[in-house]
Amino acid sequence: MNTPEGKLYYSISEVASMLGVSQSLLRYWETEFKELKPTKNKKGTRSYTHDDIELLRRIHHLTKECGLTLEGTRQHLKNDKTPDQKIQIIDTLTEMKNFLLQMKHNL
């Protein structure tokens, strides 16, 4: 789920693909979490920065993987001001697991 280097902004479809969620869920989370404010052009097209994506990754982790409610996730984000390095570790382990499963499948 790492973002490619060199890009400053990402479309909603790119971010949804990175996180494995729907675009409508990203728009919903935008209404639920005031900290999440992607920039919008005149047509309303959203552009996400690396910081936006990191916040979305934290929201995804807390709601989908830890099972917190939206209110629980809001409280966690409010109380935890440090970056969540656990997500990076989980991403790395998930990538390793997928790689190993693919190797097993190829054998």
C-alpha atoms as a PDB file:
ATOM      1  CA  MET A   1       0.000   0.000   0.000  1.00  0.00           C
ATOM      2  CA  ASN A   2       2.958   2.276  -0.311  1.00  0.00           C
ATOM      3  CA  THR A   3       2.553   5.318  -2.517  1.00  0.00           C
ATOM      4  CA  PRO A   4       4.755   5.666  -5.607  1.00  0.00           C
ATOM      5  CA  GLU A   5       7.555   8.195  -5.268  1.00  0.00           C
ATOM      6  CA  GLY A   6       7.625  11.376  -7.286  1.00  0.00           C
ATOM      7  CA  LYS A   7       3.899  12.151  -7.293  1.00  0.00           C
ATOM      8  CA  LEU A   8       2.516  14.987  -5.204  1.00  0.00           C
ATOM      9  CA  TYR A   9      -1.199  14.353  -5.722  1.00  0.00           C
ATOM     10  CA  TYR A  10      -3.316  11.264  -6.277  1.00  0.00           C
ATOM     11  CA  SER A  11      -6.832  10.883  -7.646  1.00  0.00           C
ATOM     12  CA  ILE A  12      -9.607   9.295  -5.632  1.00  0.00           C
ATOM     13  CA  SER A  13      -9.494   6.207  -7.864  1.00  0.00           C
ATOM     14  CA  GLU A  14      -5.746   5.783  -7.251  1.00  0.00           C
ATOM     15  CA  VAL A  15      -6.191   6.114  -3.483  1.00  0.00           C
ATOM     16  CA  ALA A  16      -9.168   3.739  -3.434  1.00  0.00           C
ATOM     17  CA  SER A  17      -7.086   1.203  -5.330  1.00  0.00           C
ATOM     18  CA  MET A  18      -4.126   1.608  -2.938  1.00  0.00           C
ATOM     19  CA  LEU A  19      -6.356   0.972   0.077  1.00  0.00           C
ATOM     20  CA  GLY A  20      -8.585  -1.651  -1.508  1.00  0.00           C
ATOM     21  CA  VAL A  21     -11.765   0.305  -0.729  1.00  0.00           C
ATOM     22  CA  SER A  22     -14.453   1.993  -2.796  1.00  0.00           C
ATOM     23  CA  GLN A  23     -14.387   5.633  -3.812  1.00  0.00           C
ATOM     24  CA  SER A  24     -17.711   6.159  -2.059  1.00  0.00           C
ATOM     25  CA  LEU A  25     -16.174   4.973   1.223  1.00  0.00           C
ATOM     26  CA  LEU A  26     -13.391   7.548   0.849  1.00  0.00           C
ATOM     27  CA  ARG A  27     -15.982  10.286   0.253  1.00  0.00           C
ATOM     28  CA  TYR A  28     -17.935   9.066   3.293  1.00  0.00           C
ATOM     29  CA  TRP A  29     -14.854   9.116   5.500  1.00  0.00           C
ATOM     30  CA  GLU A  30     -14.241  12.673   4.317  1.00  0.00           C
ATOM     31  CA  THR A  31     -17.596  13.654   5.838  1.00  0.00           C
ATOM     32  CA  GLU A  32     -16.870  11.779   9.078  1.00  0.00           C
ATOM     33  CA  PHE A  33     -13.298  12.935   9.766  1.00  0.00           C
ATOM     34  CA  LYS A  34     -12.781  16.704   9.756  1.00  0.00           C
ATOM     35  CA  GLU A  35      -8.985  16.230   9.550  1.00  0.00           C
ATOM     36  CA  LEU A  36      -9.385  14.690   6.087  1.00  0.00           C
ATOM     37  CA  LYS A  37      -9.573  17.522   3.564  1.00  0.00           C
ATOM     38  CA  PRO A  38      -8.330  16.630   0.089  1.00  0.00           C
ATOM     39  CA  THR A  39      -8.021  19.606  -2.222  1.00  0.00           C
ATOM     40  CA  LYS A  40     -10.702  20.001  -4.871  1.00  0.00           C
ATOM     41  CA  ASN A  41     -10.504  21.786  -8.186  1.00  0.00           C
ATOM     42  CA  LYS A  42     -13.331  23.890  -9.690  1.00  0.00           C
ATOM     43  CA  LYS A  43     -15.060  20.749 -10.939  1.00  0.00           C
ATOM     44  CA  GLY A  44     -14.886  19.154  -7.484  1.00  0.00           C
ATOM     45  CA  THR A  45     -12.265  16.545  -8.402  1.00  0.00           C
ATOM     46  CA  ARG A  46     -10.387  15.475  -5.289  1.00  0.00           C
ATOM     47  CA  SER A  47      -6.581  15.414  -5.084  1.00  0.00           C
ATOM     48  CA  TYR A  48      -4.993  13.544  -2.192  1.00  0.00           C
ATOM     49  CA  THR A  49      -1.535  14.295  -0.773  1.00  0.00           C
ATOM     50  CA  HIS A  50       0.786  11.842   0.969  1.00  0.00           C
ATOM     51  CA  ASP A  51      -0.485  13.167   4.318  1.00  0.00           C
ATOM     52  CA  ASP A  52      -4.103  12.571   3.262  1.00  0.00           C
ATOM     53  CA  ILE A  53      -3.235   9.028   2.217  1.00  0.00           C
ATOM     54  CA  GLU A  54      -1.432   8.345   5.496  1.00  0.00           C
ATOM     55  CA  LEU A  55      -4.501   9.529   7.429  1.00  0.00           C
ATOM     56  CA  LEU A  56      -6.728   7.333   5.271  1.00  0.00           C
ATOM     57  CA  ARG A  57      -4.431   4.376   5.910  1.00  0.00           C
ATOM     58  CA  ARG A  58      -4.771   4.958   9.650  1.00  0.00           C
ATOM     59  CA  ILE A  59      -8.564   5.251   9.389  1.00  0.00           C
ATOM     60  CA  HIS A  60      -8.675   2.073   7.282  1.00  0.00           C
ATOM     61  CA  HIS A  61      -6.476   0.199   9.748  1.00  0.00           C
ATOM     62  CA  LEU A  62      -8.475   1.286  12.787  1.00  0.00           C
ATOM     63  CA  THR A  63     -11.919   0.636  11.292  1.00  0.00           C
ATOM     64  CA  LYS A  64     -11.354  -2.373   9.058  1.00  0.00           C
ATOM     65  CA  GLU A  65      -8.490  -4.222  10.739  1.00  0.00           C
ATOM     66  CA  CYS A  66      -8.907  -3.275  14.401  1.00  0.00           C
ATOM     67  CA  GLY A  67     -12.706  -3.171  14.242  1.00  0.00           C
ATOM     68  CA  LEU A  68     -13.133   0.233  15.870  1.00  0.00           C
ATOM     69  CA  THR A  69     -16.307   2.199  15.316  1.00  0.00           C
ATOM     70  CA  LEU A  70     -16.081   5.579  13.608  1.00  0.00           C
ATOM     71  CA  GLU A  71     -16.365   7.268  17.003  1.00  0.00           C
ATOM     72  CA  GLY A  72     -13.661   5.006  18.411  1.00  0.00           C
ATOM     73  CA  THR A  73     -11.457   5.803  15.436  1.00  0.00           C
ATOM     74  CA  ARG A  74     -12.057   9.552  15.910  1.00  0.00           C
ATOM     75  CA  GLN A  75     -11.072   9.264  19.576  1.00  0.00           C
ATOM     76  CA  HIS A  76      -7.968   7.250  18.750  1.00  0.00           C
ATOM     77  CA  LEU A  77      -6.850   9.775  16.131  1.00  0.00           C
ATOM     78  CA  LYS A  78      -7.543  12.641  18.554  1.00  0.00           C
ATOM     79  CA  ASN A  79      -5.531  11.063  21.372  1.00  0.00           C
ATOM     80  CA  ASP A  80      -2.709   9.603  19.270  1.00  0.00           C
ATOM     81  CA  LYS A  81      -0.770  12.436  17.654  1.00  0.00           C
ATOM     82  CA  THR A  82       2.257  10.333  16.659  1.00  0.00           C
ATOM     83  CA  PRO A  83       2.415   8.548  13.274  1.00  0.00           C
ATOM     84  CA  ASP A  84       1.268   4.956  13.506  1.00  0.00           C
ATOM     85  CA  GLN A  85       4.323   2.936  12.489  1.00  0.00           C
ATOM     86  CA  LYS A  86       2.423  -0.257  13.186  1.00  0.00           C
ATOM     87  CA  ILE A  87       0.587   0.241   9.896  1.00  0.00           C
ATOM     88  CA  GLN A  88       3.875   0.213   7.994  1.00  0.00           C
ATOM     89  CA  ILE A  89       4.892  -2.998   9.746  1.00  0.00           C
ATOM     90  CA  ILE A  90       1.519  -4.581   8.971  1.00  0.00           C
ATOM     91  CA  ASP A  91       1.809  -3.501   5.315  1.00  0.00           C
ATOM     92  CA  THR A  92       5.259  -5.074   5.048  1.00  0.00           C
ATOM     93  CA  LEU A  93       4.096  -8.299   6.657  1.00  0.00           C
ATOM     94  CA  THR A  94       1.028  -8.415   4.414  1.00  0.00           C
ATOM     95  CA  GLU A  95       3.188  -7.967   1.326  1.00  0.00           C
ATOM     96  CA  MET A  96       5.513 -10.737   2.530  1.00  0.00           C
ATOM     97  CA  LYS A  97       2.554 -13.036   3.212  1.00  0.00           C
ATOM     98  CA  ASN A  98       1.125 -12.411  -0.258  1.00  0.00           C
ATOM     99  CA  PHE A  99       4.532 -13.074  -1.813  1.00  0.00           C
ATOM    100  CA  LEU A 100       4.899 -16.349   0.089  1.00  0.00           C
ATOM    101  CA  LEU A 101       1.361 -17.435  -0.799  1.00  0.00           C
ATOM    102  CA  GLN A 102       2.086 -16.726  -4.462  1.00  0.00           C
ATOM    103  CA  MET A 103       5.289 -18.780  -4.245  1.00  0.00           C
ATOM    104  CA  LYS A 104       3.358 -21.639  -2.622  1.00  0.00           C
ATOM    105  CA  HIS A 105       0.737 -21.433  -5.357  1.00  0.00           C
ATOM    106  CA  ASN A 106       3.446 -21.588  -8.054  1.00  0.00           C
ATOM    107  CA  LEU A 107       4.993 -24.749  -6.572  1.00  0.00           C
END
